[in-house]
Amino acid sequence: MKKPSNWTRYYDEQMKDRSTRELVEEELRSLRVGVQLAKLRQEQGVSQTQLAAKVGMSAPNISRIESNPGQNMTLQTLVKLFKALDHDVTITPRPHRFVRQRRKAANR
């Protein structure tokens, strides 16, 4: 069996901490919009260039949105992209992660 790398050991150790694990999971959730867009686009057999033409954007912008989790985009752009793929966008408000952490700490 291959010996775990220093990174793997570090990651595993950090993930034992509940608050760190929650922060990592929240950041991973933020990746989902671009991933969902790419998956849906591919399932429909639409290229980035075709989607870009539908919404009046450039293909590199579509690529950036799909691959960059920190990509800033307006709600209007998000709705336009998913609408071009025949999907609606739903937004669910939730407390900021620091508020959730304070609430959890107060309940302990």
C-alpha atoms as a PDB file:
ATOM      1  CA  MET A   1       0.000   0.000   0.000  1.00  0.00           C
ATOM      2  CA  LYS A   2       1.234   3.470  -0.901  1.00  0.00           C
ATOM      3  CA  LYS A   3       2.281   5.657   2.020  1.00  0.00           C
ATOM      4  CA  PRO A   4       0.028   8.745   2.414  1.00  0.00           C
ATOM      5  CA  SER A   5       1.637  11.996   1.335  1.00  0.00           C
ATOM      6  CA  ASN A   6       2.274  14.839   3.763  1.00  0.00           C
ATOM      7  CA  TRP A   7      -0.625  16.699   2.134  1.00  0.00           C
ATOM      8  CA  THR A   8      -2.998  13.773   2.652  1.00  0.00           C
ATOM      9  CA  ARG A   9      -2.012  13.427   6.294  1.00  0.00           C
ATOM     10  CA  TYR A  10      -2.387  17.198   6.821  1.00  0.00           C
ATOM     11  CA  TYR A  11      -5.781  17.245   5.082  1.00  0.00           C
ATOM     12  CA  ASP A  12      -7.063  14.277   7.065  1.00  0.00           C
ATOM     13  CA  GLU A  13      -5.931  15.880  10.320  1.00  0.00           C
ATOM     14  CA  GLN A  14      -7.566  19.216   9.459  1.00  0.00           C
ATOM     15  CA  MET A  15     -10.832  17.547   8.467  1.00  0.00           C
ATOM     16  CA  LYS A  16     -11.173  16.084  11.958  1.00  0.00           C
ATOM     17  CA  ASP A  17     -12.034  19.582  13.173  1.00  0.00           C
ATOM     18  CA  ARG A  18     -15.764  20.108  12.691  1.00  0.00           C
ATOM     19  CA  SER A  19     -15.603  23.844  11.930  1.00  0.00           C
ATOM     20  CA  THR A  20     -12.827  23.335   9.368  1.00  0.00           C
ATOM     21  CA  ARG A  21     -14.762  20.513   7.745  1.00  0.00           C
ATOM     22  CA  GLU A  22     -17.886  22.715   7.548  1.00  0.00           C
ATOM     23  CA  LEU A  23     -15.899  25.554   5.958  1.00  0.00           C
ATOM     24  CA  VAL A  24     -14.387  23.206   3.375  1.00  0.00           C
ATOM     25  CA  GLU A  25     -17.800  21.730   2.601  1.00  0.00           C
ATOM     26  CA  GLU A  26     -19.274  25.201   2.182  1.00  0.00           C
ATOM     27  CA  GLU A  27     -16.512  26.202  -0.210  1.00  0.00           C
ATOM     28  CA  LEU A  28     -17.039  23.005  -2.180  1.00  0.00           C
ATOM     29  CA  ARG A  29     -20.729  23.847  -2.440  1.00  0.00           C
ATOM     30  CA  SER A  30     -19.767  27.164  -4.013  1.00  0.00           C
ATOM     31  CA  LEU A  31     -18.109  25.223  -6.826  1.00  0.00           C
ATOM     32  CA  ARG A  32     -21.375  23.661  -7.787  1.00  0.00           C
ATOM     33  CA  VAL A  33     -22.845  26.458  -9.906  1.00  0.00           C
ATOM     34  CA  GLY A  34     -20.101  26.255 -12.523  1.00  0.00           C
ATOM     35  CA  VAL A  35     -20.026  22.478 -12.352  1.00  0.00           C
ATOM     36  CA  GLN A  36     -23.816  22.295 -12.677  1.00  0.00           C
ATOM     37  CA  LEU A  37     -23.726  24.639 -15.649  1.00  0.00           C
ATOM     38  CA  ALA A  38     -21.024  22.597 -17.389  1.00  0.00           C
ATOM     39  CA  LYS A  39     -22.771  19.287 -16.677  1.00  0.00           C
ATOM     40  CA  LEU A  40     -26.123  20.534 -17.924  1.00  0.00           C
ATOM     41  CA  ARG A  41     -24.567  22.098 -21.012  1.00  0.00           C
ATOM     42  CA  GLN A  42     -22.736  18.856 -21.850  1.00  0.00           C
ATOM     43  CA  GLU A  43     -25.822  16.710 -21.224  1.00  0.00           C
ATOM     44  CA  GLN A  44     -27.673  18.830 -23.773  1.00  0.00           C
ATOM     45  CA  GLY A  45     -24.832  18.558 -26.267  1.00  0.00           C
ATOM     46  CA  VAL A  46     -24.255  22.307 -26.268  1.00  0.00           C
ATOM     47  CA  SER A  47     -20.709  23.611 -26.643  1.00  0.00           C
ATOM     48  CA  GLN A  48     -19.383  26.583 -24.704  1.00  0.00           C
ATOM     49  CA  THR A  49     -19.332  28.514 -27.982  1.00  0.00           C
ATOM     50  CA  GLN A  50     -22.981  27.682 -28.684  1.00  0.00           C
ATOM     51  CA  LEU A  51     -24.068  28.663 -25.166  1.00  0.00           C
ATOM     52  CA  ALA A  52     -22.062  31.873 -25.403  1.00  0.00           C
ATOM     53  CA  ALA A  53     -23.781  32.766 -28.687  1.00  0.00           C
ATOM     54  CA  LYS A  54     -27.218  32.115 -27.138  1.00  0.00           C
ATOM     55  CA  VAL A  55     -26.599  34.514 -24.255  1.00  0.00           C
ATOM     56  CA  GLY A  56     -24.389  37.084 -25.980  1.00  0.00           C
ATOM     57  CA  MET A  57     -21.155  36.239 -24.186  1.00  0.00           C
ATOM     58  CA  SER A  58     -17.783  34.938 -25.288  1.00  0.00           C
ATOM     59  CA  ALA A  59     -16.813  31.271 -24.994  1.00  0.00           C
ATOM     60  CA  PRO A  60     -13.849  32.155 -22.707  1.00  0.00           C
ATOM     61  CA  ASN A  61     -16.333  33.772 -20.293  1.00  0.00           C
ATOM     62  CA  ILE A  62     -18.394  30.584 -20.213  1.00  0.00           C
ATOM     63  CA  SER A  63     -15.219  28.601 -19.582  1.00  0.00           C
ATOM     64  CA  ARG A  64     -14.232  30.917 -16.743  1.00  0.00           C
ATOM     65  CA  ILE A  65     -17.649  30.608 -15.104  1.00  0.00           C
ATOM     66  CA  GLU A  66     -17.573  26.819 -15.355  1.00  0.00           C
ATOM     67  CA  SER A  67     -14.042  26.374 -14.075  1.00  0.00           C
ATOM     68  CA  ASN A  68     -13.431  29.212 -11.603  1.00  0.00           C
ATOM     69  CA  PRO A  69     -15.241  28.739  -8.283  1.00  0.00           C
ATOM     70  CA  GLY A  70     -14.549  32.336  -7.283  1.00  0.00           C
ATOM     71  CA  GLN A  71     -15.945  33.753 -10.507  1.00  0.00           C
ATOM     72  CA  ASN A  72     -18.066  36.802  -9.793  1.00  0.00           C
ATOM     73  CA  MET A  73     -21.192  37.005 -11.880  1.00  0.00           C
ATOM     74  CA  THR A  74     -24.447  38.820 -11.579  1.00  0.00           C
ATOM     75  CA  LEU A  75     -27.708  37.102 -10.836  1.00  0.00           C
ATOM     76  CA  GLN A  76     -28.890  38.304 -14.234  1.00  0.00           C
ATOM     77  CA  THR A  77     -26.012  36.431 -15.924  1.00  0.00           C
ATOM     78  CA  LEU A  78     -26.660  33.292 -13.903  1.00  0.00           C
ATOM     79  CA  VAL A  79     -30.362  33.320 -14.787  1.00  0.00           C
ATOM     80  CA  LYS A  80     -29.588  34.038 -18.451  1.00  0.00           C
ATOM     81  CA  LEU A  81     -27.166  31.100 -18.683  1.00  0.00           C
ATOM     82  CA  PHE A  82     -29.494  28.567 -17.107  1.00  0.00           C
ATOM     83  CA  LYS A  83     -32.515  29.912 -18.988  1.00  0.00           C
ATOM     84  CA  ALA A  84     -30.621  29.322 -22.244  1.00  0.00           C
ATOM     85  CA  LEU A  85     -30.422  25.676 -21.119  1.00  0.00           C
ATOM     86  CA  ASP A  86     -34.152  25.614 -20.260  1.00  0.00           C
ATOM     87  CA  HIS A  87     -33.679  25.705 -16.492  1.00  0.00           C
ATOM     88  CA  ASP A  88     -34.776  28.042 -13.707  1.00  0.00           C
ATOM     89  CA  VAL A  89     -32.518  29.292 -10.925  1.00  0.00           C
ATOM     90  CA  THR A  90     -33.563  28.983  -7.288  1.00  0.00           C
ATOM     91  CA  ILE A  91     -31.891  30.961  -4.521  1.00  0.00           C
ATOM     92  CA  THR A  92     -32.073  29.841  -0.921  1.00  0.00           C
ATOM     93  CA  PRO A  93     -30.947  32.345   1.721  1.00  0.00           C
ATOM     94  CA  ARG A  94     -29.069  30.987   4.721  1.00  0.00           C
ATOM     95  CA  PRO A  95     -27.233  32.517   7.653  1.00  0.00           C
ATOM     96  CA  HIS A  96     -23.628  33.476   7.060  1.00  0.00           C
ATOM     97  CA  ARG A  97     -21.207  30.756   8.134  1.00  0.00           C
ATOM     98  CA  PHE A  98     -19.863  32.835  11.051  1.00  0.00           C
ATOM     99  CA  VAL A  99     -23.395  33.352  12.343  1.00  0.00           C
ATOM    100  CA  ARG A 100     -23.994  29.595  12.163  1.00  0.00           C
ATOM    101  CA  GLN A 101     -20.741  28.948  14.017  1.00  0.00           C
ATOM    102  CA  ARG A 102     -21.653  31.413  16.779  1.00  0.00           C
ATOM    103  CA  ARG A 103     -25.094  29.860  17.123  1.00  0.00           C
ATOM    104  CA  LYS A 104     -23.635  26.373  17.345  1.00  0.00           C
ATOM    105  CA  ALA A 105     -21.083  27.495  19.920  1.00  0.00           C
ATOM    106  CA  ALA A 106     -23.798  29.164  21.990  1.00  0.00           C
ATOM    107  CA  ASN A 107     -25.849  25.947  21.984  1.00  0.00           C
ATOM    108  CA  ARG A 108     -22.996  23.805  23.276  1.00  0.00           C
END
